[in-house]
Amino acid sequence: MLQIFQHQKTGEIVIEELPTPKCFPGGILVETQCSLISAGTEKTSVASAKLSLLERVIHQPEQVKLVLDFIKKEGVYSTAQRVMRQLDSYKGFGYSAAGIVVESDCEEFSVGDRVAIAGAGYANHAEINSVPKNLAVKIPETVGLDVAAFTTVATIALQGIRQAAPEIGENVAVIGLGLIGQITVQLLRAGGQSVVGFDIDENTFELAKQNGCQAVFPSSKEYIKDAIYKTQNLGFDKVIITASTSSDEPIELAIELARKRGIIVVVGAVPMNIQRGKFYQKELELKISTSYGPGRYDPFYEEVGRDYPYAYVRWTEQRNM
């Protein structure tokens, strides 16, 4: 089978011929029909791989701490060897796809089932994917495989909205109108909320309006008064950040837009250098939305297939899908 990879040091994209993977124990083997390219995530990955080591240190300071911790435990030489091996390796792409089950090792799925699959390292840009059962869902008959390939990305948007927990009629601001932001707008409108969008790229404005935004503004503080006017000058009940940037502007904008005791939910990868004074004065609440929802990054849930009790965790990542 064929699969797309990226070299971690050079950023080079290659297509490799690989043996067909074995079916994941307690999971399924899926013949991929459609695989979604997440432009923002994958563009960032390619750009990051092309940075020099010094530039990577500047852009990813958290990785420096990790390296220093390794040096303390394993020494300089061993750590350097580990880093060089990592840089000289290839990494798979993709995390949202749809296809047909060709082998099953669980009761939940049968050969021939059409499924949407999720997860980096599982829902790859590859002809065949081996997937744990909790990272797959059956596709309704009325939904095409091309549409179902968007499931994972839509689940990220949905989890952000669940964290915000907006009520019918509330005013919600969405900062960042890329793919996840546009889906967030659609879901909010379907849920009965009034939505105002913000982005630095005015090319996203028209689509955002078509998707249900009451108004759209450039992501700049000079438009804050105009935006808040849309809420009868009360401020936004909820602000959802779906932007991805190294700038503090999205979180600063969110603080200004939110009403007193409002909720800010961070979905995208943004810095959170928060001004305590304004947070304190408005008594704001900050929430982080973790990917697809409860179960994400838990090996017992994702790899072992141990589900969370329905009565205690209503919306897991699979139930969100």
C-alpha atoms as a PDB file:
ATOM      1  CA  MET A   1       0.000   0.000   0.000  1.00  0.00           C
ATOM      2  CA  LEU A   2       0.987   3.652  -0.403  1.00  0.00           C
ATOM      3  CA  GLN A   3       1.285   6.229   2.383  1.00  0.00           C
ATOM      4  CA  ILE A   4       2.384   9.878   2.568  1.00  0.00           C
ATOM      5  CA  PHE A   5       5.217  10.853   4.942  1.00  0.00           C
ATOM      6  CA  GLN A   6       7.220  13.942   5.839  1.00  0.00           C
ATOM      7  CA  HIS A   7      10.923  13.947   6.726  1.00  0.00           C
ATOM      8  CA  GLN A   8      11.253  15.596  10.142  1.00  0.00           C
ATOM      9  CA  LYS A   9      14.502  17.399   9.340  1.00  0.00           C
ATOM     10  CA  THR A  10      14.065  18.608   5.758  1.00  0.00           C
ATOM     11  CA  GLY A  11      10.271  18.823   5.522  1.00  0.00           C
ATOM     12  CA  GLU A  12      10.375  16.780   2.308  1.00  0.00           C
ATOM     13  CA  ILE A  13       7.072  15.055   1.439  1.00  0.00           C
ATOM     14  CA  VAL A  14       7.372  11.508   0.081  1.00  0.00           C
ATOM     15  CA  ILE A  15       5.055   8.667  -0.911  1.00  0.00           C
ATOM     16  CA  GLU A  16       6.268   5.278   0.293  1.00  0.00           C
ATOM     17  CA  GLU A  17       5.233   1.735  -0.574  1.00  0.00           C
ATOM     18  CA  LEU A  18       4.629  -0.202   2.655  1.00  0.00           C
ATOM     19  CA  PRO A  19       3.337  -3.652   3.622  1.00  0.00           C
ATOM     20  CA  THR A  20      -0.371  -3.733   4.472  1.00  0.00           C
ATOM     21  CA  PRO A  21      -0.707  -3.248   8.246  1.00  0.00           C
ATOM     22  CA  LYS A  22      -2.214  -5.902  10.497  1.00  0.00           C
ATOM     23  CA  CYS A  23      -5.669  -5.345  11.922  1.00  0.00           C
ATOM     24  CA  PHE A  24      -5.495  -3.467  15.230  1.00  0.00           C
ATOM     25  CA  PRO A  25      -6.284  -5.900  18.093  1.00  0.00           C
ATOM     26  CA  GLY A  26      -9.918  -5.325  18.951  1.00  0.00           C
ATOM     27  CA  GLY A  27     -10.125  -2.845  16.085  1.00  0.00           C
ATOM     28  CA  ILE A  28     -10.600  -2.706  12.319  1.00  0.00           C
ATOM     29  CA  LEU A  29      -8.655  -2.545   9.063  1.00  0.00           C
ATOM     30  CA  VAL A  30     -10.015   0.134   6.731  1.00  0.00           C
ATOM     31  CA  GLU A  31      -9.519   0.668   3.015  1.00  0.00           C
ATOM     32  CA  THR A  32      -9.377   4.449   2.763  1.00  0.00           C
ATOM     33  CA  GLN A  33     -11.688   6.069   0.218  1.00  0.00           C
ATOM     34  CA  CYS A  34     -11.339   9.727   1.229  1.00  0.00           C
ATOM     35  CA  SER A  35      -8.720  11.399   3.442  1.00  0.00           C
ATOM     36  CA  LEU A  36      -9.058  15.014   4.522  1.00  0.00           C
ATOM     37  CA  ILE A  37      -6.159  17.440   4.163  1.00  0.00           C
ATOM     38  CA  SER A  38      -6.240  19.777   7.143  1.00  0.00           C
ATOM     39  CA  ALA A  39      -4.593  22.738   5.448  1.00  0.00           C
ATOM     40  CA  GLY A  40      -3.766  24.692   8.584  1.00  0.00           C
ATOM     41  CA  THR A  41      -2.350  21.795  10.599  1.00  0.00           C
ATOM     42  CA  GLU A  42      -0.388  20.237   7.760  1.00  0.00           C
ATOM     43  CA  LYS A  43       0.911  23.551   6.401  1.00  0.00           C
ATOM     44  CA  THR A  44       2.200  24.348   9.899  1.00  0.00           C
ATOM     45  CA  SER A  45       3.834  20.932  10.131  1.00  0.00           C
ATOM     46  CA  VAL A  46       5.620  21.393   6.815  1.00  0.00           C
ATOM     47  CA  ALA A  47       6.745  24.918   7.715  1.00  0.00           C
ATOM     48  CA  SER A  48       8.010  23.809  11.147  1.00  0.00           C
ATOM     49  CA  ALA A  49      10.069  20.987   9.650  1.00  0.00           C
ATOM     50  CA  LYS A  50      11.887  23.491   7.412  1.00  0.00           C
ATOM     51  CA  LEU A  51      13.011  25.677  10.316  1.00  0.00           C
ATOM     52  CA  SER A  52      16.622  25.617  11.506  1.00  0.00           C
ATOM     53  CA  LEU A  53      17.345  24.178  14.961  1.00  0.00           C
ATOM     54  CA  LEU A  54      17.664  27.714  16.373  1.00  0.00           C
ATOM     55  CA  GLU A  55      14.330  28.746  14.834  1.00  0.00           C
ATOM     56  CA  ARG A  56      12.691  25.624  16.277  1.00  0.00           C
ATOM     57  CA  VAL A  57      13.976  26.542  19.715  1.00  0.00           C
ATOM     58  CA  ILE A  58      12.454  30.031  19.358  1.00  0.00           C
ATOM     59  CA  HIS A  59       9.111  28.758  18.070  1.00  0.00           C
ATOM     60  CA  GLN A  60       8.838  25.723  20.398  1.00  0.00           C
ATOM     61  CA  PRO A  61      10.300  26.685  23.783  1.00  0.00           C
ATOM     62  CA  GLU A  62       8.393  23.848  25.480  1.00  0.00           C
ATOM     63  CA  GLN A  63      10.525  21.377  23.529  1.00  0.00           C
ATOM     64  CA  VAL A  64      13.663  22.930  25.025  1.00  0.00           C
ATOM     65  CA  LYS A  65      12.458  22.040  28.526  1.00  0.00           C
ATOM     66  CA  LEU A  66      11.823  18.493  27.361  1.00  0.00           C
ATOM     67  CA  VAL A  67      15.363  18.226  25.979  1.00  0.00           C
ATOM     68  CA  LEU A  68      16.840  19.636  29.203  1.00  0.00           C
ATOM     69  CA  ASP A  69      14.901  17.072  31.221  1.00  0.00           C
ATOM     70  CA  PHE A  70      16.325  14.297  29.023  1.00  0.00           C
ATOM     71  CA  ILE A  71      19.851  15.678  29.518  1.00  0.00           C
ATOM     72  CA  LYS A  72      19.416  15.514  33.300  1.00  0.00           C
ATOM     73  CA  LYS A  73      18.221  11.911  33.112  1.00  0.00           C
ATOM     74  CA  GLU A  74      20.277  10.455  30.257  1.00  0.00           C
ATOM     75  CA  GLY A  75      23.207  12.821  29.684  1.00  0.00           C
ATOM     76  CA  VAL A  76      24.181  15.073  26.788  1.00  0.00           C
ATOM     77  CA  TYR A  77      25.419  12.400  24.364  1.00  0.00           C
ATOM     78  CA  SER A  78      22.412  10.109  24.749  1.00  0.00           C
ATOM     79  CA  THR A  79      20.007  13.050  24.396  1.00  0.00           C
ATOM     80  CA  ALA A  80      21.813  14.335  21.283  1.00  0.00           C
ATOM     81  CA  GLN A  81      21.563  10.880  19.709  1.00  0.00           C
ATOM     82  CA  ARG A  82      17.850  10.753  20.492  1.00  0.00           C
ATOM     83  CA  VAL A  83      17.243  14.193  18.947  1.00  0.00           C
ATOM     84  CA  MET A  84      19.175  13.330  15.770  1.00  0.00           C
ATOM     85  CA  ARG A  85      17.265  10.046  15.358  1.00  0.00           C
ATOM     86  CA  GLN A  86      14.017  11.947  15.722  1.00  0.00           C
ATOM     87  CA  LEU A  87      15.041  14.549  13.132  1.00  0.00           C
ATOM     88  CA  ASP A  88      16.167  11.846  10.705  1.00  0.00           C
ATOM     89  CA  SER A  89      12.816  10.050  10.812  1.00  0.00           C
ATOM     90  CA  TYR A  90       9.642  10.213   8.750  1.00  0.00           C
ATOM     91  CA  LYS A  91       6.244  11.149  10.139  1.00  0.00           C
ATOM     92  CA  GLY A  92       2.853  10.182   8.720  1.00  0.00           C
ATOM     93  CA  PHE A  93       0.223  12.751   7.800  1.00  0.00           C
ATOM     94  CA  GLY A  94      -3.520  12.803   8.289  1.00  0.00           C
ATOM     95  CA  TYR A  95      -6.057  12.378  11.091  1.00  0.00           C
ATOM     96  CA  SER A  96      -9.502  12.490   9.449  1.00  0.00           C
ATOM     97  CA  ALA A  97     -10.640   9.979   6.840  1.00  0.00           C
ATOM     98  CA  ALA A  98     -13.400   7.651   5.692  1.00  0.00           C
ATOM     99  CA  GLY A  99     -13.405   4.230   4.093  1.00  0.00           C
ATOM    100  CA  ILE A 100     -14.668   0.665   4.067  1.00  0.00           C
ATOM    101  CA  VAL A 101     -13.888  -2.039   6.637  1.00  0.00           C
ATOM    102  CA  VAL A 102     -11.929  -4.912   5.076  1.00  0.00           C
ATOM    103  CA  GLU A 103     -11.159  -6.771   8.316  1.00  0.00           C
ATOM    104  CA  SER A 104     -12.657  -6.609  11.812  1.00  0.00           C
ATOM    105  CA  ASP A 105     -11.520  -7.902  15.191  1.00  0.00           C
ATOM    106  CA  CYS A 106     -14.471  -6.529  17.159  1.00  0.00           C
ATOM    107  CA  GLU A 107     -18.238  -7.010  17.380  1.00  0.00           C
ATOM    108  CA  GLU A 108     -19.062  -3.366  16.699  1.00  0.00           C
ATOM    109  CA  PHE A 109     -17.979  -3.418  13.027  1.00  0.00           C
ATOM    110  CA  SER A 110     -18.296  -5.866  10.136  1.00  0.00           C
ATOM    111  CA  VAL A 111     -16.489  -6.231   6.834  1.00  0.00           C
ATOM    112  CA  GLY A 112     -18.120  -3.902   4.320  1.00  0.00           C
ATOM    113  CA  ASP A 113     -19.172  -1.255   6.833  1.00  0.00           C
ATOM    114  CA  ARG A 114     -18.597   2.331   5.729  1.00  0.00           C
ATOM    115  CA  VAL A 115     -16.776   4.153   8.531  1.00  0.00           C
ATOM    116  CA  ALA A 116     -15.308   7.514   9.474  1.00  0.00           C
ATOM    117  CA  ILE A 117     -11.977   7.191  11.267  1.00  0.00           C
ATOM    118  CA  ALA A 118      -9.982   9.580  13.447  1.00  0.00           C
ATOM    119  CA  GLY A 119      -6.620  10.136  15.061  1.00  0.00           C
ATOM    120  CA  ALA A 120      -3.086  11.045  14.053  1.00  0.00           C
ATOM    121  CA  GLY A 121      -1.185   7.836  13.478  1.00  0.00           C
ATOM    122  CA  TYR A 122      -4.409   5.954  12.698  1.00  0.00           C
ATOM    123  CA  ALA A 123      -6.423   7.901  10.100  1.00  0.00           C
ATOM    124  CA  ASN A 124      -3.391   8.493   7.897  1.00  0.00           C
ATOM    125  CA  HIS A 125      -3.106   9.584   4.288  1.00  0.00           C
ATOM    126  CA  ALA A 126      -2.689   5.921   3.407  1.00  0.00           C
ATOM    127  CA  GLU A 127      -4.497   3.343   1.264  1.00  0.00           C
ATOM    128  CA  ILE A 128      -5.060   1.060   4.273  1.00  0.00           C
ATOM    129  CA  ASN A 129      -5.392   2.127   7.917  1.00  0.00           C
ATOM    130  CA  SER A 130      -5.421   0.013  11.075  1.00  0.00           C
ATOM    131  CA  VAL A 131      -7.723   1.717  13.578  1.00  0.00           C
ATOM    132  CA  PRO A 132      -8.851   1.061  17.189  1.00  0.00           C
ATOM    133  CA  LYS A 133     -12.632   0.632  17.479  1.00  0.00           C
ATOM    134  CA  ASN A 134     -13.137   3.734  19.635  1.00  0.00           C
ATOM    135  CA  LEU A 135     -11.682   5.918  16.865  1.00  0.00           C
ATOM    136  CA  ALA A 136     -14.231   4.828  14.269  1.00  0.00           C
ATOM    137  CA  VAL A 137     -17.961   5.251  13.701  1.00  0.00           C
ATOM    138  CA  LYS A 138     -20.375   3.895  11.097  1.00  0.00           C
ATOM    139  CA  ILE A 139     -21.483   6.329   8.404  1.00  0.00           C
ATOM    140  CA  PRO A 140     -25.241   6.804   7.904  1.00  0.00           C
ATOM    141  CA  GLU A 141     -26.509   5.671   4.490  1.00  0.00           C
ATOM    142  CA  THR A 142     -27.493   9.222   3.543  1.00  0.00           C
ATOM    143  CA  VAL A 143     -23.948  10.580   4.053  1.00  0.00           C
ATOM    144  CA  GLY A 144     -21.272  10.267   1.359  1.00  0.00           C
ATOM    145  CA  LEU A 145     -17.739   9.133   2.074  1.00  0.00           C
ATOM    146  CA  ASP A 146     -16.359  12.494   0.941  1.00  0.00           C
ATOM    147  CA  VAL A 147     -18.484  14.334   3.507  1.00  0.00           C
ATOM    148  CA  ALA A 148     -17.775  11.736   6.212  1.00  0.00           C
ATOM    149  CA  ALA A 149     -14.041  12.389   5.812  1.00  0.00           C
ATOM    150  CA  PHE A 150     -14.664  15.729   7.579  1.00  0.00           C
ATOM    151  CA  THR A 151     -15.953  13.961  10.720  1.00  0.00           C
ATOM    152  CA  THR A 152     -12.822  14.349  12.848  1.00  0.00           C
ATOM    153  CA  VAL A 153     -12.440  18.055  12.100  1.00  0.00           C
ATOM    154  CA  ALA A 154     -16.142  18.622  12.791  1.00  0.00           C
ATOM    155  CA  THR A 155     -15.733  16.740  16.075  1.00  0.00           C
ATOM    156  CA  ILE A 156     -13.011  19.182  17.145  1.00  0.00           C
ATOM    157  CA  ALA A 157     -15.416  22.051  16.463  1.00  0.00           C
ATOM    158  CA  LEU A 158     -18.246  20.287  18.300  1.00  0.00           C
ATOM    159  CA  GLN A 159     -16.130  19.636  21.399  1.00  0.00           C
ATOM    160  CA  GLY A 160     -15.249  23.330  21.556  1.00  0.00           C
ATOM    161  CA  ILE A 161     -18.948  24.176  21.525  1.00  0.00           C
ATOM    162  CA  ARG A 162     -19.662  21.581  24.227  1.00  0.00           C
ATOM    163  CA  GLN A 163     -17.051  23.276  26.410  1.00  0.00           C
ATOM    164  CA  ALA A 164     -18.716  26.640  25.847  1.00  0.00           C
ATOM    165  CA  ALA A 165     -22.199  25.153  26.479  1.00  0.00           C
ATOM    166  CA  PRO A 166     -24.085  28.007  24.778  1.00  0.00           C
ATOM    167  CA  GLU A 167     -27.820  28.377  25.321  1.00  0.00           C
ATOM    168  CA  ILE A 168     -30.438  29.183  22.689  1.00  0.00           C
ATOM    169  CA  GLY A 169     -30.346  32.870  21.822  1.00  0.00           C
ATOM    170  CA  GLU A 170     -26.911  33.601  23.284  1.00  0.00           C
ATOM    171  CA  ASN A 171     -24.330  35.690  21.466  1.00  0.00           C
ATOM    172  CA  VAL A 172     -21.182  33.812  20.498  1.00  0.00           C
ATOM    173  CA  ALA A 173     -18.007  35.188  18.906  1.00  0.00           C
ATOM    174  CA  VAL A 174     -15.819  32.871  16.825  1.00  0.00           C
ATOM    175  CA  ILE A 175     -12.222  34.060  16.386  1.00  0.00           C
ATOM    176  CA  GLY A 176     -10.563  32.289  13.453  1.00  0.00           C
ATOM    177  CA  LEU A 177     -12.607  31.367  10.376  1.00  0.00           C
ATOM    178  CA  GLY A 178     -10.559  28.556   8.898  1.00  0.00           C
ATOM    179  CA  LEU A 179     -12.085  25.114   8.403  1.00  0.00           C
ATOM    180  CA  ILE A 180     -12.754  24.433  12.096  1.00  0.00           C
ATOM    181  CA  GLY A 181     -14.045  27.970  12.593  1.00  0.00           C
ATOM    182  CA  GLN A 182     -16.463  27.704   9.660  1.00  0.00           C
ATOM    183  CA  ILE A 183     -17.841  24.405  10.977  1.00  0.00           C
ATOM    184  CA  THR A 184     -18.139  25.954  14.442  1.00  0.00           C
ATOM    185  CA  VAL A 185     -20.246  28.758  12.971  1.00  0.00           C
ATOM    186  CA  GLN A 186     -22.569  26.269  11.259  1.00  0.00           C
ATOM    187  CA  LEU A 187     -23.031  24.182  14.410  1.00  0.00           C
ATOM    188  CA  LEU A 188     -23.737  27.253  16.530  1.00  0.00           C
ATOM    189  CA  ARG A 189     -26.355  28.544  14.112  1.00  0.00           C
ATOM    190  CA  ALA A 190     -27.981  25.107  14.067  1.00  0.00           C
ATOM    191  CA  GLY A 191     -28.087  25.294  17.864  1.00  0.00           C
ATOM    192  CA  GLY A 192     -29.924  28.616  17.891  1.00  0.00           C
ATOM    193  CA  GLN A 193     -27.078  30.997  18.746  1.00  0.00           C
ATOM    194  CA  SER A 194     -26.338  34.391  17.217  1.00  0.00           C
ATOM    195  CA  VAL A 195     -22.800  34.285  15.804  1.00  0.00           C
ATOM    196  CA  VAL A 196     -20.278  36.979  14.939  1.00  0.00           C
ATOM    197  CA  GLY A 197     -16.995  35.954  13.294  1.00  0.00           C
ATOM    198  CA  PHE A 198     -13.468  37.376  13.309  1.00  0.00           C
ATOM    199  CA  ASP A 199     -10.458  36.641  11.118  1.00  0.00           C
ATOM    200  CA  ILE A 200      -7.343  38.350   9.786  1.00  0.00           C
ATOM    201  CA  ASP A 201      -8.128  37.072   6.274  1.00  0.00           C
ATOM    202  CA  GLU A 202     -11.037  38.923   4.687  1.00  0.00           C
ATOM    203  CA  ASN A 203     -11.316  36.165   2.061  1.00  0.00           C
ATOM    204  CA  THR A 204     -13.070  34.059   4.731  1.00  0.00           C
ATOM    205  CA  PHE A 205     -15.792  36.628   5.389  1.00  0.00           C
ATOM    206  CA  GLU A 206     -18.244  35.778   2.616  1.00  0.00           C
ATOM    207  CA  LEU A 207     -18.224  32.055   3.388  1.00  0.00           C
ATOM    208  CA  ALA A 208     -18.693  32.795   7.083  1.00  0.00           C
ATOM    209  CA  LYS A 209     -21.769  34.874   6.281  1.00  0.00           C
ATOM    210  CA  GLN A 210     -23.132  32.079   4.100  1.00  0.00           C
ATOM    211  CA  ASN A 211     -22.566  29.675   6.990  1.00  0.00           C
ATOM    212  CA  GLY A 212     -24.623  31.824   9.346  1.00  0.00           C
ATOM    213  CA  CYS A 213     -22.537  34.655  10.797  1.00  0.00           C
ATOM    214  CA  GLN A 214     -24.656  37.670  11.636  1.00  0.00           C
ATOM    215  CA  ALA A 215     -21.596  39.825  10.974  1.00  0.00           C
ATOM    216  CA  VAL A 216     -17.876  39.357  10.341  1.00  0.00           C
ATOM    217  CA  PHE A 217     -15.026  41.661  11.363  1.00  0.00           C
ATOM    218  CA  PRO A 218     -11.238  41.766  10.957  1.00  0.00           C
ATOM    219  CA  SER A 219      -9.433  40.411  14.051  1.00  0.00           C
ATOM    220  CA  SER A 220      -8.467  43.841  15.306  1.00  0.00           C
ATOM    221  CA  LYS A 221      -9.289  45.794  18.465  1.00  0.00           C
ATOM    222  CA  GLU A 222     -10.499  48.752  16.405  1.00  0.00           C
ATOM    223  CA  TYR A 223     -13.645  46.786  15.513  1.00  0.00           C
ATOM    224  CA  ILE A 224     -14.537  45.745  19.072  1.00  0.00           C
ATOM    225  CA  LYS A 225     -17.171  48.460  19.585  1.00  0.00           C
ATOM    226  CA  ASP A 226     -18.863  47.623  16.276  1.00  0.00           C
ATOM    227  CA  ALA A 227     -18.931  43.931  17.162  1.00  0.00           C
ATOM    228  CA  ILE A 228     -20.276  44.441  20.685  1.00  0.00           C
ATOM    229  CA  TYR A 229     -22.962  46.707  19.231  1.00  0.00           C
ATOM    230  CA  LYS A 230     -24.361  43.534  17.600  1.00  0.00           C
ATOM    231  CA  THR A 231     -25.028  42.210  21.126  1.00  0.00           C
ATOM    232  CA  GLN A 232     -26.981  45.335  22.160  1.00  0.00           C
ATOM    233  CA  ASN A 233     -23.730  46.489  23.775  1.00  0.00           C
ATOM    234  CA  LEU A 234     -23.881  43.674  26.348  1.00  0.00           C
ATOM    235  CA  GLY A 235     -20.826  41.730  25.154  1.00  0.00           C
ATOM    236  CA  PHE A 236     -20.564  38.126  24.024  1.00  0.00           C
ATOM    237  CA  ASP A 237     -21.791  35.361  26.291  1.00  0.00           C
ATOM    238  CA  LYS A 238     -19.233  32.942  24.865  1.00  0.00           C
ATOM    239  CA  VAL A 239     -16.076  33.442  22.789  1.00  0.00           C
ATOM    240  CA  ILE A 240     -14.574  30.468  20.947  1.00  0.00           C
ATOM    241  CA  ILE A 241     -11.025  30.789  19.616  1.00  0.00           C
ATOM    242  CA  THR A 242     -10.431  28.546  16.596  1.00  0.00           C
ATOM    243  CA  ALA A 243      -7.441  30.488  15.270  1.00  0.00           C
ATOM    244  CA  SER A 244      -3.923  29.081  15.180  1.00  0.00           C
ATOM    245  CA  THR A 245      -1.120  31.609  15.642  1.00  0.00           C
ATOM    246  CA  SER A 246       1.919  32.505  17.722  1.00  0.00           C
ATOM    247  CA  SER A 247       0.394  35.911  18.481  1.00  0.00           C
ATOM    248  CA  ASP A 248      -1.391  36.919  21.713  1.00  0.00           C
ATOM    249  CA  GLU A 249      -3.974  38.873  19.712  1.00  0.00           C
ATOM    250  CA  PRO A 250      -6.763  36.219  19.699  1.00  0.00           C
ATOM    251  CA  ILE A 251      -6.812  35.835  23.498  1.00  0.00           C
ATOM    252  CA  GLU A 252      -6.537  39.610  23.978  1.00  0.00           C
ATOM    253  CA  LEU A 253      -9.422  40.150  21.556  1.00  0.00           C
ATOM    254  CA  ALA A 254     -11.495  37.485  23.311  1.00  0.00           C
ATOM    255  CA  ILE A 255     -11.054  39.205  26.685  1.00  0.00           C
ATOM    256  CA  GLU A 256     -12.330  42.489  25.221  1.00  0.00           C
ATOM    257  CA  LEU A 257     -15.302  40.859  23.476  1.00  0.00           C
ATOM    258  CA  ALA A 258     -16.571  38.728  26.356  1.00  0.00           C
ATOM    259  CA  ARG A 259     -19.239  40.107  28.660  1.00  0.00           C
ATOM    260  CA  LYS A 260     -18.750  40.131  32.409  1.00  0.00           C
ATOM    261  CA  ARG A 261     -18.690  36.507  33.668  1.00  0.00           C
ATOM    262  CA  GLY A 262     -18.487  35.302  30.075  1.00  0.00           C
ATOM    263  CA  ILE A 263     -16.721  32.123  28.958  1.00  0.00           C
ATOM    264  CA  ILE A 264     -13.714  31.896  26.628  1.00  0.00           C
ATOM    265  CA  VAL A 265     -12.956  28.531  25.038  1.00  0.00           C
ATOM    266  CA  VAL A 266      -9.604  27.896  23.334  1.00  0.00           C
ATOM    267  CA  VAL A 267      -9.789  25.331  20.519  1.00  0.00           C
ATOM    268  CA  GLY A 268      -6.880  26.479  18.343  1.00  0.00           C
ATOM    269  CA  ALA A 269      -3.166  26.548  19.106  1.00  0.00           C
ATOM    270  CA  VAL A 270      -2.636  30.052  20.513  1.00  0.00           C
ATOM    271  CA  PRO A 271      -0.472  31.519  23.302  1.00  0.00           C
ATOM    272  CA  MET A 272      -2.292  32.318  26.535  1.00  0.00           C
ATOM    273  CA  ASN A 273      -0.399  35.211  28.043  1.00  0.00           C
ATOM    274  CA  ILE A 274      -3.448  36.419  29.918  1.00  0.00           C
ATOM    275  CA  GLN A 275      -3.811  39.880  31.459  1.00  0.00           C
ATOM    276  CA  ARG A 276      -5.015  39.002  34.943  1.00  0.00           C
ATOM    277  CA  GLY A 277      -6.455  42.461  35.594  1.00  0.00           C
ATOM    278  CA  LYS A 278      -9.120  42.328  32.895  1.00  0.00           C
ATOM    279  CA  PHE A 279      -9.860  38.673  33.615  1.00  0.00           C
ATOM    280  CA  TYR A 280     -10.329  39.568  37.271  1.00  0.00           C
ATOM    281  CA  GLN A 281     -12.497  42.617  36.631  1.00  0.00           C
ATOM    282  CA  LYS A 282     -14.816  40.725  34.291  1.00  0.00           C
ATOM    283  CA  GLU A 283     -14.666  37.487  36.322  1.00  0.00           C
ATOM    284  CA  LEU A 284     -14.150  35.557  33.096  1.00  0.00           C
ATOM    285  CA  GLU A 285     -13.922  31.792  32.783  1.00  0.00           C
ATOM    286  CA  LEU A 286     -11.287  30.177  30.539  1.00  0.00           C
ATOM    287  CA  LYS A 287     -11.656  26.655  29.176  1.00  0.00           C
ATOM    288  CA  ILE A 288      -9.393  24.535  26.982  1.00  0.00           C
ATOM    289  CA  SER A 289     -11.015  22.179  24.511  1.00  0.00           C
ATOM    290  CA  THR A 290      -9.016  18.967  24.067  1.00  0.00           C
ATOM    291  CA  SER A 291      -9.205  17.754  20.510  1.00  0.00           C
ATOM    292  CA  TYR A 292     -12.173  15.394  19.878  1.00  0.00           C
ATOM    293  CA  GLY A 293     -13.319  15.146  23.497  1.00  0.00           C
ATOM    294  CA  PRO A 294     -13.082  12.839  26.543  1.00  0.00           C
ATOM    295  CA  GLY A 295     -10.946   9.793  25.808  1.00  0.00           C
ATOM    296  CA  ARG A 296      -8.447  11.639  23.626  1.00  0.00           C
ATOM    297  CA  TYR A 297      -4.851  10.775  24.554  1.00  0.00           C
ATOM    298  CA  ASP A 298      -6.044   8.082  27.002  1.00  0.00           C
ATOM    299  CA  PRO A 299      -4.428   4.804  25.833  1.00  0.00           C
ATOM    300  CA  PHE A 300      -6.943   2.702  27.761  1.00  0.00           C
ATOM    301  CA  TYR A 301      -9.771   4.369  25.841  1.00  0.00           C
ATOM    302  CA  GLU A 302      -8.161   4.714  22.417  1.00  0.00           C
ATOM    303  CA  GLU A 303      -5.927   1.650  22.178  1.00  0.00           C
ATOM    304  CA  VAL A 304      -7.418  -0.864  24.628  1.00  0.00           C
ATOM    305  CA  GLY A 305     -10.976   0.102  23.669  1.00  0.00           C
ATOM    306  CA  ARG A 306     -12.262   0.635  27.201  1.00  0.00           C
ATOM    307  CA  ASP A 307     -15.271   2.950  26.948  1.00  0.00           C
ATOM    308  CA  TYR A 308     -16.339   5.455  29.601  1.00  0.00           C
ATOM    309  CA  PRO A 309     -19.699   4.853  31.363  1.00  0.00           C
ATOM    310  CA  TYR A 310     -22.468   6.568  29.418  1.00  0.00           C
ATOM    311  CA  ALA A 311     -24.127   7.826  32.616  1.00  0.00           C
ATOM    312  CA  TYR A 312     -20.965   9.639  33.732  1.00  0.00           C
ATOM    313  CA  VAL A 313     -19.344  10.725  30.457  1.00  0.00           C
ATOM    314  CA  ARG A 314     -22.165  11.525  28.058  1.00  0.00           C
ATOM    315  CA  TRP A 315     -19.985  12.715  25.182  1.00  0.00           C
ATOM    316  CA  THR A 316     -16.760  10.803  24.537  1.00  0.00           C
ATOM    317  CA  GLU A 317     -14.689  11.434  21.438  1.00  0.00           C
ATOM    318  CA  GLN A 318     -16.422   8.544  19.658  1.00  0.00           C
ATOM    319  CA  ARG A 319     -19.904   9.688  20.684  1.00  0.00           C
ATOM    320  CA  ASN A 320     -18.988  13.173  19.449  1.00  0.00           C
ATOM    321  CA  MET A 321     -18.147  11.628  16.065  1.00  0.00           C
END
